[in-house]
């Protein structure tokens, strides 16, 4: 039986379906049929604009985003596909908090829905710091079908690791 490290928390029946697709050599076809649309967000500036547009649409009262960028250092070995950080800096006599989002560079070549899922996930942390019910409700509000896309992202990561 193939160990599916990105899908370990999911029920055995779902894992078996993914194993069957792997065995039949159809996992890549499954993903390309479900997610045929690639995105054109390739630069840090474009990613910043993309995240800012989502923030303005869904989180108007959330703190401002100071920086959004693709990060080459984020990858599967660090178990992080995106990060949200608050960096405190002294400016003049005041302490200023800068909000940053970093997205793993592998999302430059991922389907559009996966990039949106990661950005939505990190934006939701501006309102809810923990992965609780309110956090996932907010993610679902910003991206209907969030849970299915998160599962499919894990399937995509499994497929990508096999390549």
Foldseek 3Di string as FASTA:
>chain_A
DDDQVLCVVPDPVVVVVLVVCVVVVNLVVVLCVVFVAADQQQFQVSLLVVLVVLCVVQPVPFDDADGEGEDQPDDVVVPDQKDWDWDWDDDPNDIDTHIYMYGHNVSNGDGPLLSVLRSLLRSLCSVPVDPDPVSVVSSCVSPPVSVVSSVVVSSVVSVVVVD
